[in-house]
Every structure is written in C-alpha cells, then in structure tokens.
Amino acid sequence: MIPPSPLEDPAKAAHAWARYRRIMRWMMTITVGLVVGSVILLYRSNGMVSIHFYIATALGVGFTMLLASALMGLVFLSSGTGHDDAVVDPLEEDNPYK
C-alpha cells in the first residue's frame, strides 16, 4: 500500500494552493517591474530601434521569469506540504511497500 499524500486532505491542499497563488502574485509584480526596467534600460542604451525588438524583449523576459517562478513555486508546494516524502521509491533497499 502506498502512503497517502498530505495533499489529499482538502484543508491542507487549499492552504498549499493559496500559498502558491500568493507566491505567483508576488512574482507577477516582480516580473512586470523587471520587464519595464529592462525595456527602459534597452531604450536608454540603444534608442528607438524597432518596436518589435522591445516587444520580443518584453515577452522573452516576462515568459522566462513567469515560467521559472511557476516551476520553482511548484517545487516549494511539493516540498512544503510533505508530498515529496509520500513518494515510494521502488528501488530503495529497505522499502516496506515492496
């Protein structure tokens, strides 16, 4: 029998997902600030090149930051709730669930 995950409890799952959404809101705010700062920095150093350059830069920086923060937030969610500890490794020598 596989041990139950702590995320199967609705109260713990609701708390964990609320924490994840809070992290993502903060990261969205930081990402918007970083995108604006990078576009301003590029404009100051290069002047007005092409609007497509600034759009591509904003989308690239924004997408990269949000993807990285979403994946890192999921790692925090999995580790912080104890979900990682509930996983059974079938190759482990002293596995009681073999």
C-alpha atoms as a PDB file:
ATOM      1  CA  MET A   1       0.000   0.000   0.000  1.00  0.00           C
ATOM      2  CA  ILE A   2       1.247   3.441  -0.887  1.00  0.00           C
ATOM      3  CA  PRO A   3       1.164   6.046   1.922  1.00  0.00           C
ATOM      4  CA  PRO A   4      -1.351   8.857   1.365  1.00  0.00           C
ATOM      5  CA  SER A   5      -0.126  12.244   0.212  1.00  0.00           C
ATOM      6  CA  PRO A   6      -0.748  15.207   2.536  1.00  0.00           C
ATOM      7  CA  LEU A   7      -2.304  16.992  -0.457  1.00  0.00           C
ATOM      8  CA  GLU A   8      -5.229  14.546  -0.326  1.00  0.00           C
ATOM      9  CA  ASP A   9      -6.501  16.428   2.725  1.00  0.00           C
ATOM     10  CA  PRO A  10      -8.695  19.256   1.322  1.00  0.00           C
ATOM     11  CA  ALA A  11      -7.741  21.738   4.052  1.00  0.00           C
ATOM     12  CA  LYS A  12      -4.007  21.227   3.547  1.00  0.00           C
ATOM     13  CA  ALA A  13      -4.410  21.317  -0.224  1.00  0.00           C
ATOM     14  CA  ALA A  14      -6.381  24.575  -0.060  1.00  0.00           C
ATOM     15  CA  HIS A  15      -3.718  26.130   2.151  1.00  0.00           C
ATOM     16  CA  ALA A  16      -0.906  24.952  -0.144  1.00  0.00           C
ATOM     17  CA  TRP A  17      -2.572  26.233  -3.322  1.00  0.00           C
ATOM     18  CA  ALA A  18      -3.383  29.570  -1.670  1.00  0.00           C
ATOM     19  CA  ARG A  19       0.308  29.899  -0.773  1.00  0.00           C
ATOM     20  CA  TYR A  20       1.252  29.042  -4.365  1.00  0.00           C
ATOM     21  CA  ARG A  21      -1.111  31.693  -5.751  1.00  0.00           C
ATOM     22  CA  ARG A  22       0.327  34.249  -3.310  1.00  0.00           C
ATOM     23  CA  ILE A  23       3.866  33.436  -4.496  1.00  0.00           C
ATOM     24  CA  MET A  24       2.764  33.759  -8.115  1.00  0.00           C
ATOM     25  CA  ARG A  25       1.113  37.156  -7.476  1.00  0.00           C
ATOM     26  CA  TRP A  26       4.358  38.461  -5.981  1.00  0.00           C
ATOM     27  CA  MET A  27       6.366  37.032  -8.858  1.00  0.00           C
ATOM     28  CA  MET A  28       3.988  38.624 -11.386  1.00  0.00           C
ATOM     29  CA  THR A  29       4.565  42.008  -9.736  1.00  0.00           C
ATOM     30  CA  ILE A  30       8.330  41.496  -9.768  1.00  0.00           C
ATOM     31  CA  THR A  31       8.206  40.302 -13.386  1.00  0.00           C
ATOM     32  CA  VAL A  32       6.277  43.357 -14.565  1.00  0.00           C
ATOM     33  CA  GLY A  33       8.791  45.611 -12.811  1.00  0.00           C
ATOM     34  CA  LEU A  34      11.688  43.713 -14.333  1.00  0.00           C
ATOM     35  CA  VAL A  35      10.189  43.867 -17.832  1.00  0.00           C
ATOM     36  CA  VAL A  36       9.600  47.605 -17.571  1.00  0.00           C
ATOM     37  CA  GLY A  37      13.105  48.133 -16.206  1.00  0.00           C
ATOM     38  CA  SER A  38      14.722  46.071 -18.952  1.00  0.00           C
ATOM     39  CA  VAL A  39      12.823  47.874 -21.721  1.00  0.00           C
ATOM     40  CA  ILE A  40      13.779  51.260 -20.243  1.00  0.00           C
ATOM     41  CA  LEU A  41      17.409  50.161 -19.942  1.00  0.00           C
ATOM     42  CA  LEU A  42      17.454  48.952 -23.544  1.00  0.00           C
ATOM     43  CA  TYR A  43      15.830  52.171 -24.767  1.00  0.00           C
ATOM     44  CA  ARG A  44      18.402  54.281 -22.924  1.00  0.00           C
ATOM     45  CA  SER A  45      21.326  52.347 -24.356  1.00  0.00           C
ATOM     46  CA  ASN A  46      20.035  51.768 -27.932  1.00  0.00           C
ATOM     47  CA  GLY A  47      17.448  54.454 -28.592  1.00  0.00           C
ATOM     48  CA  MET A  48      14.396  53.665 -30.681  1.00  0.00           C
ATOM     49  CA  VAL A  49      15.413  50.695 -32.827  1.00  0.00           C
ATOM     50  CA  SER A  50      12.256  48.794 -33.715  1.00  0.00           C
ATOM     51  CA  ILE A  51       9.089  48.274 -31.768  1.00  0.00           C
ATOM     52  CA  HIS A  52       9.389  44.542 -32.487  1.00  0.00           C
ATOM     53  CA  PHE A  53      12.697  44.455 -30.625  1.00  0.00           C
ATOM     54  CA  TYR A  54      11.069  45.826 -27.491  1.00  0.00           C
ATOM     55  CA  ILE A  55       8.020  43.572 -27.804  1.00  0.00           C
ATOM     56  CA  ALA A  56      10.212  40.485 -28.219  1.00  0.00           C
ATOM     57  CA  THR A  57      12.390  41.513 -25.296  1.00  0.00           C
ATOM     58  CA  ALA A  58       9.381  42.133 -23.047  1.00  0.00           C
ATOM     59  CA  LEU A  59       7.762  38.821 -23.986  1.00  0.00           C
ATOM     60  CA  GLY A  60      11.014  36.883 -23.641  1.00  0.00           C
ATOM     61  CA  VAL A  61      11.923  38.310 -20.245  1.00  0.00           C
ATOM     62  CA  GLY A  62       8.340  38.051 -18.993  1.00  0.00           C
ATOM     63  CA  PHE A  63       7.794  34.481 -20.168  1.00  0.00           C
ATOM     64  CA  THR A  64      11.142  33.308 -18.806  1.00  0.00           C
ATOM     65  CA  MET A  65      10.558  34.874 -15.394  1.00  0.00           C
ATOM     66  CA  LEU A  66       6.996  33.562 -15.066  1.00  0.00           C
ATOM     67  CA  LEU A  67       7.907  30.054 -16.207  1.00  0.00           C
ATOM     68  CA  ALA A  68      10.849  29.887 -13.804  1.00  0.00           C
ATOM     69  CA  SER A  69       8.777  31.201 -10.902  1.00  0.00           C
ATOM     70  CA  ALA A  70       5.879  28.824 -11.658  1.00  0.00           C
ATOM     71  CA  LEU A  71       8.175  25.804 -11.698  1.00  0.00           C
ATOM     72  CA  MET A  72      10.022  26.902  -8.565  1.00  0.00           C
ATOM     73  CA  GLY A  73       6.683  27.581  -6.850  1.00  0.00           C
ATOM     74  CA  LEU A  74       5.571  24.029  -7.652  1.00  0.00           C
ATOM     75  CA  VAL A  75       8.793  22.719  -6.122  1.00  0.00           C
ATOM     76  CA  PHE A  76       8.063  24.737  -2.971  1.00  0.00           C
ATOM     77  CA  LEU A  77       4.478  23.454  -2.939  1.00  0.00           C
ATOM     78  CA  SER A  78       5.546  19.830  -3.301  1.00  0.00           C
ATOM     79  CA  SER A  79       8.325  20.046  -0.738  1.00  0.00           C
ATOM     80  CA  GLY A  80       6.499  22.256   1.763  1.00  0.00           C
ATOM     81  CA  THR A  81       3.415  20.053   2.017  1.00  0.00           C
ATOM     82  CA  GLY A  82       5.310  16.806   2.506  1.00  0.00           C
ATOM     83  CA  HIS A  83       4.128  15.438  -0.834  1.00  0.00           C
ATOM     84  CA  ASP A  84       7.728  14.528  -1.718  1.00  0.00           C
ATOM     85  CA  ASP A  85       8.033  12.373   1.395  1.00  0.00           C
ATOM     86  CA  ALA A  86       4.923  10.376   0.442  1.00  0.00           C
ATOM     87  CA  VAL A  87       6.522   9.094  -2.763  1.00  0.00           C
ATOM     88  CA  VAL A  88       7.678   5.487  -2.586  1.00  0.00           C
ATOM     89  CA  ASP A  89      10.968   4.593  -4.284  1.00  0.00           C
ATOM     90  CA  PRO A  90      10.624   1.018  -5.581  1.00  0.00           C
ATOM     91  CA  LEU A  91      14.408   0.704  -5.951  1.00  0.00           C
ATOM     92  CA  GLU A  92      15.124   1.529  -2.324  1.00  0.00           C
ATOM     93  CA  GLU A  93      16.595  -1.404  -0.368  1.00  0.00           C
ATOM     94  CA  ASP A  94      14.596  -1.006   2.855  1.00  0.00           C
ATOM     95  CA  ASN A  95      11.272  -0.205   1.154  1.00  0.00           C
ATOM     96  CA  PRO A  96       8.450  -1.617   3.318  1.00  0.00           C
ATOM     97  CA  TYR A  97       5.956  -1.276   0.439  1.00  0.00           C
ATOM     98  CA  LYS A  98       7.621  -3.771  -1.946  1.00  0.00           C
END
